[in-house]
Every structure is written in C-alpha cells, then in structure tokens.
Amino acid sequence: MSPILKLFAFPASFIIICLGILTILGGHITPGGGFQGGAMIAAGVILCVIVYGVNDSPIKFSHDFISAIESIGALGYVLLGLAGLFASGFFLYNLGADFYGIVPQSIVDIFHYPDLTNAGIVPYLNIFVGLKVLVGLSAVVIAFLQFKKLDLSEEIEEE
C-alpha cells in the first residue's frame, strides 16, 4: 500500500470509530442505534486491517478478544430480556421506562437510563447489539484476509 494511504487510514478509522460510538450511544433519540453504530465501528477496523494488513494493523483483534466481546454482547442482550421476563412477564420489557406500571419502582430505578427521553433499557440494548455487530463484521473480514490462496498446481505436482 502507498504511504499516503497508510497515513490517511488510521486517523480516518479513528474518526469513523468515534462516529460509530456516538451513533450507538445516541441511537435511542436519533436515527441509528446498535446495528448502525456497530457497522460503522467495524468499517473503521476493516479500513485499518485492509490498508495495513492483518498482522501490522494498529487495531488488532485477537481470537480471545473477539470471543469475549461477542459473548458479552449476546449475554447482555439475553440477560436484559430475561430481566424483563422475570420482572413483568414479557421478554425484553422496557424495565427502565415501565410504561404499564407493572414493575416495582426499585427495579425501574436500576434500569433507568439517565437522560431526558427516559429510554429505559433501549440504550443498553443498543450497546450490546453494537458489540455483536462490530465483532461479527470484523471477524468475517479478518478471517477472509487470513485465508491463504491454495495453489492447485503444486498439489498436482506433488502427487
């Protein structure tokens, strides 16, 4: 890759990642959310990986890191859903907002997201979905870049 592209890629990736984080955190009051923000963060990571290569990229994801982040995203989403199920009888019930008044106030206070719109658990769900999307899209591209081309002519000569 050209030095100009390498000079441009990391700062651009950093800006894209910051915009993705902003999209996730403001997704309950603006267009966007977990999926869109996670895709933006993954795009920043993918830009660095493509320009610098998998091994030399300034943003590196190890297999353990990818597994941990994906597990956190999935587990957090399921736990918020189960919390709603146990407290109200509905999976993913918005405990922080409690529109129907069926959850005790002590539980509502735990899940209340501190902003003017009173979005409840929606911002937390956006964060967990963003983690899943970030890892899913990044892992696919990293896996494809690590595959080696199979030279069939060498295998035929060996036989």
N, C-alpha and C. Protein backbone atom coordinates (compact mmCIF):
# COMPACT_ATOMS: atom_id res chain seq x y z
N MET A 1 0.83 -1.18 0.00
CA MET A 1 0.00 0.00 0.00
C MET A 1 0.88 1.25 0.00
N SER A 2 0.33 2.30 -0.51
CA SER A 2 1.09 3.54 -0.60
C SER A 2 1.22 4.19 0.77
N PRO A 3 2.29 4.96 0.99
CA PRO A 3 2.45 5.65 2.27
C PRO A 3 1.35 6.68 2.53
N ILE A 4 0.83 7.26 1.48
CA ILE A 4 -0.25 8.24 1.65
C ILE A 4 -1.50 7.56 2.19
N LEU A 5 -1.81 6.39 1.67
CA LEU A 5 -2.96 5.64 2.16
C LEU A 5 -2.77 5.22 3.61
N LYS A 6 -1.55 4.80 3.96
CA LYS A 6 -1.28 4.42 5.34
C LYS A 6 -1.35 5.62 6.27
N LEU A 7 -0.96 6.78 5.80
CA LEU A 7 -1.02 8.00 6.61
C LEU A 7 -2.46 8.43 6.84
N PHE A 8 -3.32 8.19 5.88
CA PHE A 8 -4.71 8.60 5.96
C PHE A 8 -5.58 7.59 6.71
N ALA A 9 -5.28 6.31 6.62
CA ALA A 9 -6.19 5.26 7.08
C ALA A 9 -6.43 5.27 8.59
N PHE A 10 -5.37 5.39 9.39
CA PHE A 10 -5.59 5.30 10.83
C PHE A 10 -6.37 6.48 11.39
N PRO A 11 -6.05 7.74 11.05
CA PRO A 11 -6.90 8.83 11.55
C PRO A 11 -8.34 8.74 11.06
N ALA A 12 -8.52 8.34 9.80
CA ALA A 12 -9.89 8.18 9.29
C ALA A 12 -10.62 7.07 10.04
N SER A 13 -9.93 5.98 10.33
CA SER A 13 -10.54 4.88 11.09
C SER A 13 -10.93 5.34 12.49
N PHE A 14 -10.07 6.13 13.10
CA PHE A 14 -10.37 6.64 14.44
C PHE A 14 -11.63 7.51 14.42
N ILE A 15 -11.76 8.36 13.42
CA ILE A 15 -12.95 9.22 13.31
C ILE A 15 -14.20 8.37 13.06
N ILE A 16 -14.09 7.38 12.18
CA ILE A 16 -15.23 6.51 11.89
C ILE A 16 -15.65 5.74 13.14
N ILE A 17 -14.68 5.25 13.90
CA ILE A 17 -14.99 4.52 15.13
C ILE A 17 -15.68 5.44 16.14
N CYS A 18 -15.20 6.67 16.27
CA CYS A 18 -15.83 7.63 17.19
C CYS A 18 -17.26 7.94 16.77
N LEU A 19 -17.50 8.09 15.47
CA LEU A 19 -18.86 8.32 14.99
C LEU A 19 -19.75 7.11 15.24
N GLY A 20 -19.19 5.91 15.13
CA GLY A 20 -19.96 4.71 15.44
C GLY A 20 -20.35 4.64 16.91
N ILE A 21 -19.42 5.01 17.78
CA ILE A 21 -19.73 5.03 19.22
C ILE A 21 -20.82 6.06 19.50
N LEU A 22 -20.72 7.23 18.87
CA LEU A 22 -21.74 8.26 19.04
C LEU A 22 -23.10 7.79 18.53
N THR A 23 -23.12 7.05 17.44
CA THR A 23 -24.37 6.52 16.90
C THR A 23 -24.99 5.50 17.84
N ILE A 24 -24.17 4.66 18.45
CA ILE A 24 -24.69 3.68 19.41
C ILE A 24 -25.26 4.37 20.64
N LEU A 25 -24.50 5.31 21.20
CA LEU A 25 -24.93 5.94 22.45
C LEU A 25 -26.11 6.88 22.27
N GLY A 26 -26.30 7.42 21.06
CA GLY A 26 -27.44 8.30 20.83
C GLY A 26 -28.52 7.65 20.01
N GLY A 27 -28.45 6.35 19.84
CA GLY A 27 -29.39 5.64 18.97
C GLY A 27 -30.82 5.64 19.45
N HIS A 28 -31.06 5.89 20.71
CA HIS A 28 -32.43 5.88 21.21
C HIS A 28 -33.15 7.21 20.96
N ILE A 29 -32.42 8.25 20.56
CA ILE A 29 -33.07 9.54 20.29
C ILE A 29 -32.78 10.05 18.88
N THR A 30 -31.93 9.38 18.14
CA THR A 30 -31.60 9.79 16.78
C THR A 30 -31.73 8.57 15.86
N PRO A 31 -31.77 8.81 14.54
CA PRO A 31 -31.75 7.65 13.64
C PRO A 31 -30.44 6.88 13.80
N GLY A 32 -30.55 5.63 13.95
CA GLY A 32 -29.36 4.80 14.17
C GLY A 32 -29.57 3.94 15.40
N GLY A 33 -28.50 3.39 15.86
CA GLY A 33 -28.59 2.53 17.03
C GLY A 33 -27.47 1.53 17.03
N GLY A 34 -27.73 0.38 17.62
CA GLY A 34 -26.71 -0.63 17.80
C GLY A 34 -26.18 -1.20 16.50
N PHE A 35 -27.07 -1.55 15.58
CA PHE A 35 -26.60 -2.15 14.34
C PHE A 35 -25.81 -1.16 13.50
N GLN A 36 -26.35 0.03 13.33
CA GLN A 36 -25.69 1.02 12.50
C GLN A 36 -24.36 1.45 13.11
N GLY A 37 -24.34 1.68 14.41
CA GLY A 37 -23.10 2.07 15.07
C GLY A 37 -22.06 0.96 15.06
N GLY A 38 -22.50 -0.27 15.28
CA GLY A 38 -21.58 -1.41 15.22
C GLY A 38 -20.99 -1.58 13.84
N ALA A 39 -21.80 -1.35 12.81
CA ALA A 39 -21.30 -1.45 11.43
C ALA A 39 -20.30 -0.34 11.14
N MET A 40 -20.52 0.85 11.70
CA MET A 40 -19.57 1.95 11.50
C MET A 40 -18.24 1.65 12.19
N ILE A 41 -18.29 1.15 13.40
CA ILE A 41 -17.06 0.80 14.10
C ILE A 41 -16.32 -0.30 13.36
N ALA A 42 -17.06 -1.30 12.89
CA ALA A 42 -16.45 -2.38 12.12
C ALA A 42 -15.82 -1.84 10.83
N ALA A 43 -16.45 -0.85 10.21
CA ALA A 43 -15.88 -0.26 8.99
C ALA A 43 -14.55 0.41 9.29
N GLY A 44 -14.43 1.08 10.43
CA GLY A 44 -13.15 1.67 10.82
C GLY A 44 -12.08 0.62 11.04
N VAL A 45 -12.44 -0.45 11.71
CA VAL A 45 -11.50 -1.54 11.95
C VAL A 45 -11.10 -2.20 10.63
N ILE A 46 -12.08 -2.44 9.77
CA ILE A 46 -11.81 -3.08 8.48
C ILE A 46 -10.91 -2.21 7.61
N LEU A 47 -11.12 -0.90 7.64
CA LEU A 47 -10.25 0.00 6.87
C LEU A 47 -8.80 -0.15 7.30
N CYS A 48 -8.54 -0.18 8.60
CA CYS A 48 -7.17 -0.36 9.08
C CYS A 48 -6.61 -1.72 8.70
N VAL A 49 -7.42 -2.75 8.83
CA VAL A 49 -6.94 -4.10 8.55
C VAL A 49 -6.61 -4.25 7.06
N ILE A 50 -7.42 -3.67 6.20
CA ILE A 50 -7.17 -3.80 4.76
C ILE A 50 -5.93 -3.00 4.35
N VAL A 51 -5.78 -1.80 4.88
CA VAL A 51 -4.66 -0.95 4.48
C VAL A 51 -3.33 -1.46 5.05
N TYR A 52 -3.31 -1.80 6.33
CA TYR A 52 -2.06 -2.20 6.98
C TYR A 52 -1.79 -3.70 6.92
N GLY A 53 -2.81 -4.49 6.68
CA GLY A 53 -2.67 -5.93 6.74
C GLY A 53 -3.10 -6.44 8.11
N VAL A 54 -3.40 -7.72 8.18
CA VAL A 54 -3.91 -8.30 9.43
C VAL A 54 -2.86 -8.24 10.54
N ASN A 55 -1.62 -8.52 10.23
CA ASN A 55 -0.59 -8.60 11.27
C ASN A 55 -0.02 -7.25 11.66
N ASP A 56 -0.04 -6.25 10.78
CA ASP A 56 0.58 -4.95 11.05
C ASP A 56 -0.42 -3.86 11.40
N SER A 57 -1.69 -4.18 11.48
CA SER A 57 -2.71 -3.17 11.73
C SER A 57 -2.58 -2.58 13.13
N PRO A 58 -2.77 -1.26 13.26
CA PRO A 58 -2.73 -0.67 14.60
C PRO A 58 -3.92 -1.09 15.47
N ILE A 59 -4.99 -1.57 14.84
CA ILE A 59 -6.15 -2.08 15.56
C ILE A 59 -6.17 -3.59 15.35
N LYS A 60 -5.81 -4.32 16.38
CA LYS A 60 -5.74 -5.78 16.26
C LYS A 60 -6.76 -6.43 17.17
N PHE A 61 -7.43 -7.43 16.64
CA PHE A 61 -8.39 -8.21 17.42
C PHE A 61 -7.87 -9.64 17.50
N SER A 62 -7.58 -10.09 18.69
CA SER A 62 -7.19 -11.48 18.85
C SER A 62 -8.44 -12.35 18.90
N HIS A 63 -8.25 -13.63 18.74
CA HIS A 63 -9.38 -14.56 18.78
C HIS A 63 -10.07 -14.51 20.14
N ASP A 64 -9.29 -14.44 21.21
CA ASP A 64 -9.87 -14.37 22.56
C ASP A 64 -10.68 -13.10 22.76
N PHE A 65 -10.17 -11.97 22.23
CA PHE A 65 -10.89 -10.70 22.35
C PHE A 65 -12.21 -10.76 21.59
N ILE A 66 -12.17 -11.30 20.39
CA ILE A 66 -13.39 -11.41 19.58
C ILE A 66 -14.41 -12.30 20.29
N SER A 67 -13.96 -13.41 20.84
CA SER A 67 -14.87 -14.32 21.55
C SER A 67 -15.47 -13.66 22.78
N ALA A 68 -14.63 -12.93 23.52
CA ALA A 68 -15.11 -12.27 24.74
C ALA A 68 -16.13 -11.19 24.42
N ILE A 69 -15.86 -10.35 23.43
CA ILE A 69 -16.78 -9.26 23.09
C ILE A 69 -18.09 -9.80 22.55
N GLU A 70 -18.01 -10.83 21.72
CA GLU A 70 -19.24 -11.41 21.19
C GLU A 70 -20.07 -12.04 22.30
N SER A 71 -19.40 -12.69 23.24
CA SER A 71 -20.12 -13.30 24.37
C SER A 71 -20.76 -12.24 25.25
N ILE A 72 -20.04 -11.13 25.48
CA ILE A 72 -20.60 -10.04 26.30
C ILE A 72 -21.84 -9.47 25.62
N GLY A 73 -21.77 -9.25 24.30
CA GLY A 73 -22.92 -8.72 23.58
C GLY A 73 -24.13 -9.63 23.65
N ALA A 74 -23.92 -10.90 23.39
CA ALA A 74 -25.04 -11.85 23.40
C ALA A 74 -25.59 -12.05 24.80
N LEU A 75 -24.70 -12.21 25.76
CA LEU A 75 -25.14 -12.44 27.13
C LEU A 75 -25.87 -11.22 27.70
N GLY A 76 -25.37 -10.03 27.42
CA GLY A 76 -26.04 -8.82 27.90
C GLY A 76 -27.43 -8.67 27.33
N TYR A 77 -27.57 -8.94 26.04
CA TYR A 77 -28.89 -8.86 25.41
C TYR A 77 -29.86 -9.85 26.03
N VAL A 78 -29.42 -11.08 26.20
CA VAL A 78 -30.29 -12.11 26.77
C VAL A 78 -30.62 -11.79 28.23
N LEU A 79 -29.64 -11.32 28.98
CA LEU A 79 -29.90 -11.00 30.40
C LEU A 79 -30.90 -9.86 30.55
N LEU A 80 -30.80 -8.83 29.69
CA LEU A 80 -31.80 -7.76 29.75
C LEU A 80 -33.18 -8.28 29.38
N GLY A 81 -33.22 -9.19 28.40
CA GLY A 81 -34.50 -9.79 28.04
C GLY A 81 -35.09 -10.62 29.16
N LEU A 82 -34.23 -11.41 29.81
CA LEU A 82 -34.71 -12.23 30.92
C LEU A 82 -35.10 -11.39 32.13
N ALA A 83 -34.41 -10.28 32.36
CA ALA A 83 -34.79 -9.40 33.47
C ALA A 83 -36.20 -8.87 33.24
N GLY A 84 -36.50 -8.51 32.00
CA GLY A 84 -37.86 -8.07 31.69
C GLY A 84 -38.87 -9.18 31.84
N LEU A 85 -38.47 -10.39 31.46
CA LEU A 85 -39.37 -11.54 31.57
C LEU A 85 -39.69 -11.85 33.03
N PHE A 86 -38.68 -11.85 33.88
CA PHE A 86 -38.92 -12.18 35.28
C PHE A 86 -39.64 -11.07 36.04
N ALA A 87 -39.37 -9.82 35.68
CA ALA A 87 -39.99 -8.71 36.42
C ALA A 87 -41.41 -8.40 35.94
N SER A 88 -41.70 -8.67 34.65
CA SER A 88 -43.00 -8.25 34.14
C SER A 88 -43.77 -9.37 33.44
N GLY A 89 -43.08 -10.43 33.04
CA GLY A 89 -43.73 -11.48 32.29
C GLY A 89 -43.56 -11.34 30.79
N PHE A 90 -42.84 -10.31 30.34
CA PHE A 90 -42.61 -10.08 28.92
C PHE A 90 -41.11 -10.03 28.65
N PHE A 91 -40.65 -10.79 27.64
CA PHE A 91 -39.25 -10.78 27.27
C PHE A 91 -38.91 -9.41 26.68
N LEU A 92 -37.79 -8.83 27.11
CA LEU A 92 -37.33 -7.51 26.69
C LEU A 92 -38.30 -6.39 27.06
N TYR A 93 -39.03 -6.56 28.14
CA TYR A 93 -39.89 -5.47 28.61
C TYR A 93 -38.99 -4.32 29.04
N ASN A 94 -39.38 -3.10 28.69
CA ASN A 94 -38.56 -1.93 28.98
C ASN A 94 -38.68 -1.57 30.46
N LEU A 95 -37.82 -2.19 31.26
CA LEU A 95 -37.88 -2.02 32.71
C LEU A 95 -37.58 -0.60 33.16
N GLY A 96 -36.71 0.09 32.45
CA GLY A 96 -36.34 1.44 32.86
C GLY A 96 -37.43 2.46 32.64
N ALA A 97 -38.31 2.22 31.68
CA ALA A 97 -39.41 3.15 31.42
C ALA A 97 -40.70 2.69 32.09
N ASP A 98 -40.97 1.39 32.12
CA ASP A 98 -42.15 0.78 32.75
C ASP A 98 -43.43 1.53 32.38
N PHE A 99 -43.78 1.46 31.11
CA PHE A 99 -44.94 2.18 30.60
C PHE A 99 -46.26 1.73 31.22
N TYR A 100 -46.35 0.48 31.61
CA TYR A 100 -47.61 -0.05 32.13
C TYR A 100 -47.67 -0.11 33.65
N GLY A 101 -46.61 0.28 34.33
CA GLY A 101 -46.61 0.32 35.79
C GLY A 101 -46.72 -1.04 36.45
N ILE A 102 -46.10 -2.06 35.89
CA ILE A 102 -46.22 -3.40 36.46
C ILE A 102 -44.95 -3.85 37.18
N VAL A 103 -43.93 -3.01 37.20
CA VAL A 103 -42.65 -3.36 37.81
C VAL A 103 -42.45 -2.49 39.04
N PRO A 104 -41.94 -3.05 40.15
CA PRO A 104 -41.67 -2.24 41.34
C PRO A 104 -40.67 -1.11 41.04
N GLN A 105 -40.83 0.02 41.71
CA GLN A 105 -40.01 1.21 41.46
C GLN A 105 -38.53 0.95 41.71
N SER A 106 -38.19 0.08 42.65
CA SER A 106 -36.78 -0.21 42.91
C SER A 106 -36.10 -0.84 41.69
N ILE A 107 -36.82 -1.68 40.95
CA ILE A 107 -36.27 -2.30 39.74
C ILE A 107 -36.21 -1.27 38.61
N VAL A 108 -37.21 -0.42 38.50
CA VAL A 108 -37.21 0.62 37.48
C VAL A 108 -36.01 1.54 37.66
N ASP A 109 -35.67 1.87 38.90
CA ASP A 109 -34.53 2.75 39.17
C ASP A 109 -33.20 2.13 38.75
N ILE A 110 -33.08 0.83 38.82
CA ILE A 110 -31.85 0.15 38.41
C ILE A 110 -31.63 0.28 36.91
N PHE A 111 -32.70 0.12 36.12
CA PHE A 111 -32.58 0.10 34.66
C PHE A 111 -32.87 1.44 34.01
N HIS A 112 -33.11 2.48 34.78
CA HIS A 112 -33.44 3.79 34.23
C HIS A 112 -32.19 4.43 33.61
N TYR A 113 -32.23 4.74 32.32
CA TYR A 113 -31.12 5.39 31.63
C TYR A 113 -31.23 6.89 31.87
N PRO A 114 -30.19 7.51 32.41
CA PRO A 114 -30.31 8.91 32.84
C PRO A 114 -30.25 9.92 31.67
N ASP A 115 -31.36 10.13 31.01
CA ASP A 115 -31.46 11.19 30.03
C ASP A 115 -32.89 11.73 30.02
N LEU A 116 -33.12 12.76 29.24
CA LEU A 116 -34.42 13.42 29.25
C LEU A 116 -35.52 12.59 28.59
N THR A 117 -35.15 11.70 27.70
CA THR A 117 -36.16 10.94 26.97
C THR A 117 -36.65 9.71 27.71
N ASN A 118 -35.98 9.32 28.78
CA ASN A 118 -36.35 8.14 29.57
C ASN A 118 -36.52 6.92 28.67
N ALA A 119 -35.44 6.52 28.05
CA ALA A 119 -35.49 5.41 27.10
C ALA A 119 -35.45 4.05 27.77
N GLY A 120 -35.17 3.99 29.05
CA GLY A 120 -35.15 2.71 29.74
C GLY A 120 -33.96 1.86 29.34
N ILE A 121 -34.23 0.63 28.89
CA ILE A 121 -33.14 -0.30 28.56
C ILE A 121 -32.71 -0.21 27.10
N VAL A 122 -33.36 0.61 26.30
CA VAL A 122 -33.04 0.69 24.87
C VAL A 122 -31.58 1.08 24.63
N PRO A 123 -31.01 2.07 25.32
CA PRO A 123 -29.58 2.37 25.10
C PRO A 123 -28.67 1.20 25.45
N TYR A 124 -28.99 0.48 26.48
CA TYR A 124 -28.19 -0.68 26.86
C TYR A 124 -28.28 -1.78 25.80
N LEU A 125 -29.47 -1.97 25.25
CA LEU A 125 -29.63 -2.94 24.16
C LEU A 125 -28.83 -2.51 22.94
N ASN A 126 -28.81 -1.20 22.65
CA ASN A 126 -28.01 -0.69 21.53
C ASN A 126 -26.54 -1.01 21.72
N ILE A 127 -26.05 -0.87 22.94
CA ILE A 127 -24.64 -1.16 23.20
C ILE A 127 -24.34 -2.63 22.95
N PHE A 128 -25.18 -3.52 23.44
CA PHE A 128 -24.94 -4.95 23.27
C PHE A 128 -25.07 -5.37 21.80
N VAL A 129 -26.04 -4.81 21.09
CA VAL A 129 -26.18 -5.12 19.67
C VAL A 129 -24.98 -4.57 18.90
N GLY A 130 -24.52 -3.38 19.27
CA GLY A 130 -23.34 -2.80 18.63
C GLY A 130 -22.11 -3.66 18.80
N LEU A 131 -21.93 -4.23 19.98
CA LEU A 131 -20.80 -5.13 20.20
C LEU A 131 -20.89 -6.37 19.31
N LYS A 132 -22.08 -6.95 19.22
CA LYS A 132 -22.26 -8.14 18.38
C LYS A 132 -21.99 -7.83 16.91
N VAL A 133 -22.50 -6.72 16.43
CA VAL A 133 -22.32 -6.38 15.01
C VAL A 133 -20.86 -6.04 14.72
N LEU A 134 -20.23 -5.29 15.63
CA LEU A 134 -18.81 -4.96 15.47
C LEU A 134 -17.97 -6.20 15.32
N VAL A 135 -18.14 -7.13 16.21
CA VAL A 135 -17.33 -8.35 16.19
C VAL A 135 -17.70 -9.24 15.01
N GLY A 136 -18.98 -9.34 14.71
CA GLY A 136 -19.40 -10.21 13.60
C GLY A 136 -18.85 -9.75 12.26
N LEU A 137 -18.99 -8.48 11.95
CA LEU A 137 -18.50 -7.98 10.67
C LEU A 137 -16.98 -7.98 10.61
N SER A 138 -16.34 -7.57 11.69
CA SER A 138 -14.88 -7.55 11.71
C SER A 138 -14.29 -8.95 11.60
N ALA A 139 -14.87 -9.89 12.30
CA ALA A 139 -14.35 -11.25 12.30
C ALA A 139 -14.44 -11.88 10.91
N VAL A 140 -15.51 -11.60 10.20
CA VAL A 140 -15.65 -12.16 8.85
C VAL A 140 -14.55 -11.65 7.93
N VAL A 141 -14.31 -10.34 7.97
CA VAL A 141 -13.28 -9.76 7.09
C VAL A 141 -11.89 -10.23 7.50
N ILE A 142 -11.62 -10.27 8.79
CA ILE A 142 -10.31 -10.73 9.26
C ILE A 142 -10.09 -12.19 8.87
N ALA A 143 -11.12 -13.01 9.00
CA ALA A 143 -10.99 -14.42 8.63
C ALA A 143 -10.72 -14.57 7.14
N PHE A 144 -11.43 -13.80 6.31
CA PHE A 144 -11.20 -13.87 4.86
C PHE A 144 -9.80 -13.40 4.50
N LEU A 145 -9.28 -12.40 5.17
CA LEU A 145 -7.95 -11.90 4.86
C LEU A 145 -6.85 -12.86 5.31
N GLN A 146 -7.15 -13.74 6.25
CA GLN A 146 -6.14 -14.68 6.73
C GLN A 146 -6.08 -15.97 5.92
N PHE A 147 -7.07 -16.20 5.07
CA PHE A 147 -7.02 -17.39 4.23
C PHE A 147 -5.89 -17.27 3.22
N LYS A 148 -5.19 -18.36 3.03
CA LYS A 148 -4.13 -18.38 2.03
C LYS A 148 -4.68 -18.97 0.75
N LYS A 149 -4.19 -18.45 -0.36
CA LYS A 149 -4.63 -19.00 -1.64
C LYS A 149 -4.02 -20.38 -1.82
N LEU A 150 -4.85 -21.27 -2.25
CA LEU A 150 -4.42 -22.64 -2.46
C LEU A 150 -3.96 -22.79 -3.91
N ASP A 151 -2.72 -23.14 -4.08
CA ASP A 151 -2.16 -23.32 -5.42
C ASP A 151 -2.33 -24.78 -5.82
N LEU A 152 -3.29 -25.04 -6.70
CA LEU A 152 -3.60 -26.40 -7.09
C LEU A 152 -2.49 -27.03 -7.93
N SER A 153 -1.73 -26.24 -8.66
CA SER A 153 -0.68 -26.80 -9.50
C SER A 153 0.41 -27.47 -8.65
N GLU A 154 0.69 -26.90 -7.47
CA GLU A 154 1.69 -27.51 -6.58
C GLU A 154 1.20 -28.84 -6.04
N GLU A 155 -0.08 -28.93 -5.71
CA GLU A 155 -0.62 -30.19 -5.19
C GLU A 155 -0.63 -31.28 -6.24
N ILE A 156 -0.89 -30.91 -7.49
CA ILE A 156 -0.92 -31.90 -8.56
C ILE A 156 0.49 -32.44 -8.81
N GLU A 157 1.50 -31.54 -8.77
CA GLU A 157 2.88 -31.97 -8.99
C GLU A 157 3.37 -32.89 -7.86
N GLU A 158 2.91 -32.66 -6.64
CA GLU A 158 3.35 -33.49 -5.53
C GLU A 158 2.81 -34.90 -5.65
N GLU A 159 1.67 -35.08 -6.24
CA GLU A 159 1.07 -36.42 -6.37
C GLU A 159 1.77 -37.15 -7.46
